[in-house]
C-alpha atoms as a PDB file:
ATOM      1  CA  MET A   1     -20.732  63.864 109.248  1.00  0.00           C
ATOM      2  CA  ILE A   2     -21.953  64.859 112.700  1.00  0.00           C
ATOM      3  CA  ILE A   3     -25.388  63.311 112.161  1.00  0.00           C
ATOM      4  CA  ASP A   4     -23.874  59.880 111.519  1.00  0.00           C
ATOM      5  CA  LYS A   5     -22.236  59.825 114.961  1.00  0.00           C
ATOM      6  CA  ALA A   6     -25.171  61.234 116.915  1.00  0.00           C
ATOM      7  CA  SER A   7     -27.922  59.522 118.880  1.00  0.00           C
ATOM      8  CA  ILE A   8     -31.384  60.840 118.030  1.00  0.00           C
ATOM      9  CA  ILE A   9     -34.043  60.755 120.716  1.00  0.00           C
ATOM     10  CA  ARG A  10     -37.560  61.676 119.648  1.00  0.00           C
ATOM     11  CA  GLU A  11     -39.806  63.165 122.278  1.00  0.00           C
ATOM     12  CA  ASN A  12     -42.739  65.480 122.751  1.00  0.00           C
ATOM     13  CA  ARG A  13     -41.013  68.825 122.266  1.00  0.00           C
ATOM     14  CA  LYS A  14     -41.311  71.829 119.931  1.00  0.00           C
ATOM     15  CA  SER A  15     -37.703  72.399 118.936  1.00  0.00           C
ATOM     16  CA  LEU A  16     -34.442  70.539 118.376  1.00  0.00           C
ATOM     17  CA  LYS A  17     -31.988  70.279 121.240  1.00  0.00           C
ATOM     18  CA  ILE A  18     -28.372  69.198 120.793  1.00  0.00           C
ATOM     19  CA  THR A  19     -26.265  68.008 123.737  1.00  0.00           C
ATOM     20  CA  ILE A  20     -22.596  67.051 123.882  1.00  0.00           C
ATOM     21  CA  THR A  21     -21.953  64.680 126.772  1.00  0.00           C
ATOM     22  CA  PRO A  22     -18.793  64.797 128.913  1.00  0.00           C
ATOM     23  CA  ASP A  23     -17.499  61.719 127.088  1.00  0.00           C
ATOM     24  CA  ALA A  24     -17.775  63.515 123.710  1.00  0.00           C
ATOM     25  CA  LYS A  25     -20.993  61.966 122.416  1.00  0.00           C
ATOM     26  CA  ILE A  26     -23.705  63.912 120.610  1.00  0.00           C
ATOM     27  CA  ILE A  27     -27.334  63.467 121.590  1.00  0.00           C
ATOM     28  CA  ILE A  28     -30.058  65.097 119.497  1.00  0.00           C
ATOM     29  CA  TYR A  29     -33.463  65.561 121.103  1.00  0.00           C
ATOM     30  CA  SER A  30     -35.979  65.939 118.282  1.00  0.00           C
ATOM     31  CA  PRO A  31     -39.701  66.685 118.016  1.00  0.00           C
ATOM     32  CA  LEU A  32     -41.646  63.507 117.260  1.00  0.00           C
ATOM     33  CA  LYS A  33     -42.640  64.399 113.697  1.00  0.00           C
ATOM     34  CA  LEU A  34     -39.506  66.216 112.552  1.00  0.00           C
ATOM     35  CA  SER A  35     -38.078  64.374 109.529  1.00  0.00           C
ATOM     36  CA  PHE A  36     -34.552  63.009 109.452  1.00  0.00           C
ATOM     37  CA  ASP A  37     -33.745  65.238 106.462  1.00  0.00           C
ATOM     38  CA  LYS A  38     -34.850  68.325 108.387  1.00  0.00           C
ATOM     39  CA  ILE A  39     -32.790  67.266 111.421  1.00  0.00           C
ATOM     40  CA  ASN A  40     -29.777  66.788 109.161  1.00  0.00           C
ATOM     41  CA  GLU A  41     -30.337  70.209 107.601  1.00  0.00           C
ATOM     42  CA  ILE A  42     -30.377  71.892 111.022  1.00  0.00           C
ATOM     43  CA  ILE A  43     -27.300  70.002 112.185  1.00  0.00           C
ATOM     44  CA  LYS A  44     -25.347  71.062 109.093  1.00  0.00           C
ATOM     45  CA  THR A  45     -25.855  74.746 109.958  1.00  0.00           C
ATOM     46  CA  LYS A  46     -24.287  74.082 113.372  1.00  0.00           C
ATOM     47  CA  GLU A  47     -21.576  71.655 112.282  1.00  0.00           C
ATOM     48  CA  THR A  48     -18.634  74.037 112.674  1.00  0.00           C
ATOM     49  CA  LEU A  49     -19.636  75.025 116.198  1.00  0.00           C
ATOM     50  CA  LEU A  50     -20.391  71.426 117.177  1.00  0.00           C
ATOM     51  CA  ASN A  51     -17.012  70.232 115.935  1.00  0.00           C
ATOM     52  CA  LYS A  52     -15.334  73.016 117.905  1.00  0.00           C
ATOM     53  CA  LYS A  53     -17.139  71.994 121.083  1.00  0.00           C
ATOM     54  CA  LEU A  54     -16.390  68.316 120.464  1.00  0.00           C
ATOM     55  CA  ASN A  55     -12.689  69.085 120.132  1.00  0.00           C
ATOM     56  CA  GLN A  56     -12.768  71.079 123.378  1.00  0.00           C
ATOM     57  CA  VAL A  57     -14.363  68.156 125.204  1.00  0.00           C
ATOM     58  CA  ARG A  58     -11.841  65.706 123.762  1.00  0.00           C
ATOM     59  CA  GLU A  59      -8.915  67.965 124.695  1.00  0.00           C
ATOM     60  CA  THR A  60     -10.251  68.252 128.247  1.00  0.00           C
ATOM     61  CA  ASN A  61     -10.566  64.484 128.483  1.00  0.00           C
ATOM     62  CA  VAL A  62      -6.995  63.965 127.243  1.00  0.00           C
ATOM     63  CA  LYS A  63      -5.709  66.587 129.679  1.00  0.00           C
ATOM     64  CA  ASN A  64      -7.422  64.785 132.544  1.00  0.00           C
ATOM     65  CA  GLN A  65      -6.658  61.251 131.429  1.00  0.00           C
ATOM     66  CA  ASP A  66      -5.109  60.409 134.795  1.00  0.00           C
ATOM     67  CA  LEU A  67      -8.543  60.771 136.384  1.00  0.00           C
ATOM     68  CA  PHE A  68     -10.264  58.618 133.787  1.00  0.00           C
ATOM     69  CA  SER A  69      -7.592  55.903 133.970  1.00  0.00           C
ATOM     70  CA  TYR A  70      -7.661  55.719 137.802  1.00  0.00           C
ATOM     71  CA  LYS A  71      -4.144  57.044 138.259  1.00  0.00           C
ATOM     72  CA  LYS A  72      -5.410  60.022 140.268  1.00  0.00           C
ATOM     73  CA  VAL A  73      -8.504  61.064 142.167  1.00  0.00           C
ATOM     74  CA  LEU A  74      -9.746  64.512 143.198  1.00  0.00           C
ATOM     75  CA  LEU A  75     -10.808  65.576 146.677  1.00  0.00           C
ATOM     76  CA  LEU A  76     -11.609  69.221 147.489  1.00  0.00           C
ATOM     77  CA  GLY A  77      -9.729  70.351 144.385  1.00  0.00           C
ATOM     78  CA  LYS A  78      -6.554  68.458 145.215  1.00  0.00           C
ATOM     79  CA  GLU A  79      -5.206  65.583 143.140  1.00  0.00           C
ATOM     80  CA  TYR A  80      -4.193  62.390 144.925  1.00  0.00           C
ATOM     81  CA  PHE A  81      -2.213  59.562 143.331  1.00  0.00           C
ATOM     82  CA  ILE A  82      -4.102  56.278 143.464  1.00  0.00           C
ATOM     83  CA  VAL A  83      -1.731  53.708 144.937  1.00  0.00           C
ATOM     84  CA  PRO A  84      -2.604  49.987 144.873  1.00  0.00           C
ATOM     85  CA  THR A  85      -1.038  48.208 147.825  1.00  0.00           C
ATOM     86  CA  THR A  86      -1.183  44.959 149.776  1.00  0.00           C
ATOM     87  CA  LYS A  87      -0.494  46.838 153.026  1.00  0.00           C
ATOM     88  CA  VAL A  88      -4.032  48.107 153.608  1.00  0.00           C
ATOM     89  CA  GLU A  89      -7.397  46.364 153.916  1.00  0.00           C
ATOM     90  CA  LYS A  90      -9.588  49.332 152.996  1.00  0.00           C
ATOM     91  CA  VAL A  91      -9.340  52.498 150.896  1.00  0.00           C
ATOM     92  CA  PHE A  92      -8.352  55.813 152.462  1.00  0.00           C
ATOM     93  CA  PHE A  93      -6.653  59.136 151.754  1.00  0.00           C
ATOM     94  CA  SER A  94      -3.160  59.694 153.123  1.00  0.00           C
ATOM     95  CA  GLU A  95      -1.092  62.827 152.427  1.00  0.00           C
ATOM     96  CA  ASP A  96      -0.839  62.946 148.612  1.00  0.00           C
ATOM     97  CA  MET A  97      -2.066  59.394 148.070  1.00  0.00           C
ATOM     98  CA  PHE A  98      -5.307  57.477 147.876  1.00  0.00           C
ATOM     99  CA  LEU A  99      -4.391  54.002 149.086  1.00  0.00           C
ATOM    100  CA  VAL A 100      -6.379  51.129 147.619  1.00  0.00           C
ATOM    101  CA  PRO A 101      -6.102  47.397 148.409  1.00  0.00           C
ATOM    102  CA  LYS A 102      -4.490  45.808 145.362  1.00  0.00           C
ATOM    103  CA  LYS A 103      -7.217  43.170 145.159  1.00  0.00           C
ATOM    104  CA  TYR A 104      -9.736  45.856 144.201  1.00  0.00           C
ATOM    105  CA  PHE A 105      -7.750  46.569 141.041  1.00  0.00           C
ATOM    106  CA  GLU A 106      -7.516  42.884 140.263  1.00  0.00           C
ATOM    107  CA  LEU A 107     -11.288  42.546 140.608  1.00  0.00           C
ATOM    108  CA  ASN A 108     -11.900  45.689 138.492  1.00  0.00           C
ATOM    109  CA  LYS A 109     -13.761  47.275 141.402  1.00  0.00           C
ATOM    110  CA  ILE A 110     -11.684  50.452 141.735  1.00  0.00           C
ATOM    111  CA  SER A 111     -14.430  52.674 140.294  1.00  0.00           C
ATOM    112  CA  PHE A 112     -16.964  51.282 142.767  1.00  0.00           C
ATOM    113  CA  PHE A 113     -14.732  51.907 145.788  1.00  0.00           C
ATOM    114  CA  ILE A 114     -13.757  55.414 144.671  1.00  0.00           C
ATOM    115  CA  ARG A 115     -17.454  56.209 144.272  1.00  0.00           C
ATOM    116  CA  LYS A 116     -18.310  54.694 147.647  1.00  0.00           C
ATOM    117  CA  THR A 117     -15.503  56.577 149.421  1.00  0.00           C
ATOM    118  CA  LEU A 118     -16.234  59.946 147.811  1.00  0.00           C
ATOM    119  CA  LYS A 119     -19.965  59.674 148.476  1.00  0.00           C
ATOM    120  CA  LYS A 120     -19.336  58.978 152.151  1.00  0.00           C
ATOM    121  CA  LEU A 121     -16.991  61.977 152.349  1.00  0.00           C
ATOM    122  CA  ALA A 122     -19.506  64.156 150.491  1.00  0.00           C
ATOM    123  CA  GLU A 123     -22.241  63.308 152.967  1.00  0.00           C
ATOM    124  CA  LYS A 124     -19.989  64.407 155.808  1.00  0.00           C
ATOM    125  CA  ILE A 125     -18.095  67.382 154.319  1.00  0.00           C
ATOM    126  CA  ILE A 126     -20.818  69.033 152.258  1.00  0.00           C
ATOM    127  CA  THR A 127     -23.528  68.603 154.883  1.00  0.00           C
ATOM    128  CA  GLN A 128     -21.265  70.147 157.512  1.00  0.00           C
ATOM    129  CA  ARG A 129     -20.396  73.025 155.168  1.00  0.00           C
ATOM    130  CA  LEU A 130     -24.071  73.667 154.439  1.00  0.00           C
ATOM    131  CA  TYR A 131     -24.817  74.132 158.134  1.00  0.00           C
ATOM    132  CA  GLU A 132     -21.734  76.351 158.518  1.00  0.00           C
ATOM    133  CA  LEU A 133     -22.886  78.622 155.684  1.00  0.00           C
ATOM    134  CA  ILE A 134     -26.412  78.816 157.078  1.00  0.00           C
ATOM    135  CA  GLU A 135     -25.006  79.983 160.403  1.00  0.00           C
ATOM    136  CA  GLN A 136     -22.375  82.334 158.939  1.00  0.00           C
ATOM    137  CA  LYS A 137     -24.837  84.086 156.633  1.00  0.00           C
ATOM    138  CA  ASN A 138     -27.761  83.958 159.053  1.00  0.00           C
ATOM    139  CA  ILE A 139     -29.955  82.178 156.503  1.00  0.00           C
ATOM    140  CA  LYS A 140     -33.558  81.692 157.587  1.00  0.00           C
ATOM    141  CA  TYR A 141     -34.774  79.581 154.648  1.00  0.00           C
ATOM    142  CA  LYS A 142     -35.758  76.104 155.791  1.00  0.00           C
ATOM    143  CA  PHE A 143     -35.093  72.801 154.032  1.00  0.00           C
ATOM    144  CA  THR A 144     -36.678  69.454 154.881  1.00  0.00           C
ATOM    145  CA  LYS A 145     -34.009  66.993 153.751  1.00  0.00           C
ATOM    146  CA  ILE A 146     -30.518  66.680 152.237  1.00  0.00           C
ATOM    147  CA  SER A 147     -29.609  63.756 150.012  1.00  0.00           C
ATOM    148  CA  TYR A 148     -26.765  62.735 147.687  1.00  0.00           C
ATOM    149  CA  GLY A 149     -27.261  61.187 144.264  1.00  0.00           C
ATOM    150  CA  ASN A 150     -25.404  59.878 141.245  1.00  0.00           C
ATOM    151  CA  PHE A 151     -26.538  62.579 138.822  1.00  0.00           C
ATOM    152  CA  LYS A 152     -24.996  62.653 135.343  1.00  0.00           C
ATOM    153  CA  SER A 153     -25.919  66.184 134.314  1.00  0.00           C
ATOM    154  CA  LYS A 154     -26.239  68.365 137.414  1.00  0.00           C
ATOM    155  CA  TRP A 155     -24.405  69.250 140.624  1.00  0.00           C
ATOM    156  CA  GLY A 156     -27.439  69.935 142.756  1.00  0.00           C
ATOM    157  CA  SER A 157     -31.176  70.574 142.876  1.00  0.00           C
ATOM    158  CA  CYS A 158     -33.928  71.828 145.161  1.00  0.00           C
ATOM    159  CA  ASP A 159     -37.639  71.021 144.898  1.00  0.00           C
ATOM    160  CA  ASN A 160     -40.796  72.690 146.147  1.00  0.00           C
ATOM    161  CA  ASN A 161     -40.872  70.357 149.147  1.00  0.00           C
ATOM    162  CA  GLY A 162     -37.645  71.845 150.439  1.00  0.00           C
ATOM    163  CA  VAL A 163     -35.545  68.787 149.551  1.00  0.00           C
ATOM    164  CA  ILE A 164     -31.968  69.657 148.564  1.00  0.00           C
ATOM    165  CA  LYS A 165     -30.042  67.079 146.562  1.00  0.00           C
ATOM    166  CA  PHE A 166     -26.328  67.190 145.799  1.00  0.00           C
ATOM    167  CA  ASN A 167     -24.220  65.225 143.361  1.00  0.00           C
ATOM    168  CA  TRP A 168     -21.696  63.380 145.534  1.00  0.00           C
ATOM    169  CA  ARG A 169     -19.002  64.280 142.962  1.00  0.00           C
ATOM    170  CA  LEU A 170     -19.245  67.829 144.315  1.00  0.00           C
ATOM    171  CA  VAL A 171     -16.776  66.818 147.038  1.00  0.00           C
ATOM    172  CA  MET A 172     -14.083  66.566 144.347  1.00  0.00           C
ATOM    173  CA  LEU A 173     -14.214  70.320 143.728  1.00  0.00           C
ATOM    174  CA  GLU A 174     -12.455  73.161 145.488  1.00  0.00           C
ATOM    175  CA  SER A 175     -14.210  74.693 148.487  1.00  0.00           C
ATOM    176  CA  SER A 176     -15.190  77.977 146.786  1.00  0.00           C
ATOM    177  CA  ILE A 177     -17.132  76.089 144.095  1.00  0.00           C
ATOM    178  CA  ILE A 178     -18.778  73.864 146.705  1.00  0.00           C
ATOM    179  CA  ASP A 179     -19.925  76.996 148.548  1.00  0.00           C
ATOM    180  CA  PHE A 180     -21.389  78.364 145.315  1.00  0.00           C
ATOM    181  CA  VAL A 181     -23.401  75.193 144.628  1.00  0.00           C
ATOM    182  CA  ILE A 182     -24.637  74.995 148.214  1.00  0.00           C
ATOM    183  CA  LEU A 183     -25.739  78.636 148.246  1.00  0.00           C
ATOM    184  CA  HIS A 184     -27.273  78.277 144.790  1.00  0.00           C
ATOM    185  CA  GLU A 185     -29.542  75.504 146.055  1.00  0.00           C
ATOM    186  CA  ILE A 186     -30.277  77.321 149.308  1.00  0.00           C
ATOM    187  CA  SER A 187     -31.400  80.328 147.244  1.00  0.00           C
ATOM    188  CA  HIS A 188     -33.917  78.051 145.524  1.00  0.00           C
ATOM    189  CA  LEU A 189     -35.610  77.515 148.883  1.00  0.00           C
ATOM    190  CA  LYS A 190     -36.786  81.107 148.533  1.00  0.00           C
ATOM    191  CA  GLU A 191     -37.151  81.277 144.740  1.00  0.00           C
ATOM    192  CA  LEU A 192     -37.449  78.016 142.787  1.00  0.00           C
ATOM    193  CA  ASN A 193     -36.851  79.447 139.309  1.00  0.00           C
ATOM    194  CA  HIS A 194     -33.887  81.367 137.885  1.00  0.00           C
ATOM    195  CA  SER A 195     -35.585  84.738 137.889  1.00  0.00           C
ATOM    196  CA  LYS A 196     -33.979  88.106 138.576  1.00  0.00           C
ATOM    197  CA  GLN A 197     -35.180  87.796 142.152  1.00  0.00           C
ATOM    198  CA  PHE A 198     -33.390  84.442 142.500  1.00  0.00           C
ATOM    199  CA  TYR A 199     -30.086  85.937 141.344  1.00  0.00           C
ATOM    200  CA  ASN A 200     -30.547  88.872 143.689  1.00  0.00           C
ATOM    201  CA  ILE A 201     -30.847  86.398 146.567  1.00  0.00           C
ATOM    202  CA  LEU A 202     -27.782  84.467 145.389  1.00  0.00           C
ATOM    203  CA  THR A 203     -25.744  87.650 144.906  1.00  0.00           C
ATOM    204  CA  ASN A 204     -26.574  88.758 148.410  1.00  0.00           C
ATOM    205  CA  LEU A 205     -25.358  85.403 149.759  1.00  0.00           C
ATOM    206  CA  TYR A 206     -22.347  85.008 147.459  1.00  0.00           C
ATOM    207  CA  PRO A 207     -21.308  88.139 145.481  1.00  0.00           C
ATOM    208  CA  ASN A 208     -18.641  86.257 143.475  1.00  0.00           C
ATOM    209  CA  TRP A 209     -20.945  83.485 142.266  1.00  0.00           C
ATOM    210  CA  LYS A 210     -20.323  84.239 138.564  1.00  0.00           C
ATOM    211  CA  ILE A 211     -16.619  83.429 138.956  1.00  0.00           C
ATOM    212  CA  GLU A 212     -17.401  80.089 140.572  1.00  0.00           C
ATOM    213  CA  ARG A 213     -20.092  79.267 138.004  1.00  0.00           C
ATOM    214  CA  LYS A 214     -17.560  79.757 135.222  1.00  0.00           C
ATOM    215  CA  LYS A 215     -15.111  77.421 136.957  1.00  0.00           C
ATOM    216  CA  LEU A 216     -17.864  74.846 137.390  1.00  0.00           C
ATOM    217  CA  LYS A 217     -18.772  74.888 133.695  1.00  0.00           C
ATOM    218  CA  ASN A 218     -15.203  73.925 132.856  1.00  0.00           C
ATOM    219  CA  LEU A 219     -15.475  70.920 135.176  1.00  0.00           C
ATOM    220  CA  SER A 220     -18.547  69.303 133.643  1.00  0.00           C
ATOM    221  CA  PHE A 221     -16.381  66.418 132.400  1.00  0.00           C
ATOM    222  CA  LEU A 222     -16.205  65.181 136.008  1.00  0.00           C
ATOM    223  CA  LEU A 223     -19.887  64.277 135.818  1.00  0.00           C
ATOM    224  CA  SER A 224     -19.009  61.269 133.668  1.00  0.00           C
ATOM    225  CA  LEU A 225     -16.555  59.805 136.179  1.00  0.00           C
ATOM    226  CA  TYR A 226     -17.215  56.606 138.138  1.00  0.00           C
ATOM    227  CA  ASN A 227     -20.492  55.683 136.452  1.00  0.00           C
ATOM    228  CA  ASN A 228     -19.501  52.059 135.847  1.00  0.00           C
END
């Protein structure tokens, strides 16, 4: 049964929320006083759909096993073979390869160095692209700061202080999706919610945003990479 494999988190909320994580785990967010029997009853009505979504997540993970097993890494939508070698002292991208000192594999530090390398590239590439888009589209909205975080459930955010935050994993995606996320957050500088006005702003900046959003939804499994 689904309920037997799920984690239940009770919190101050009015309704039940069910989340499937990128690594195919089910998390149930429940109102504080909702009984276990009632939770189970609700879950049973959604069991077919949940199993379908679980299978989709598992299939995606199998399809992309090379990323999870550190055989490949993504940069700007391109796959690079991870090559352990004694001929280099530090990690770097070269043609179709991501060269990694062999000792990092032996010390089980490959995830750490992939994360470190990609974050550094994100800070350079995405920041530069943000300024390019601002200039190209003559954007007048002002931000106060850009930062990069290790978020597990989002690609970017913008707060009412004008601080834009990006998930460093964004640098793994193809450039058209990166542009969508950047312009999405820039639009929040003008309209913080997801109102009709917000989407009008986004559409004006990036008419094809719906296509890129759909692509991004299919890449949510990447959010679970390099967390250890």
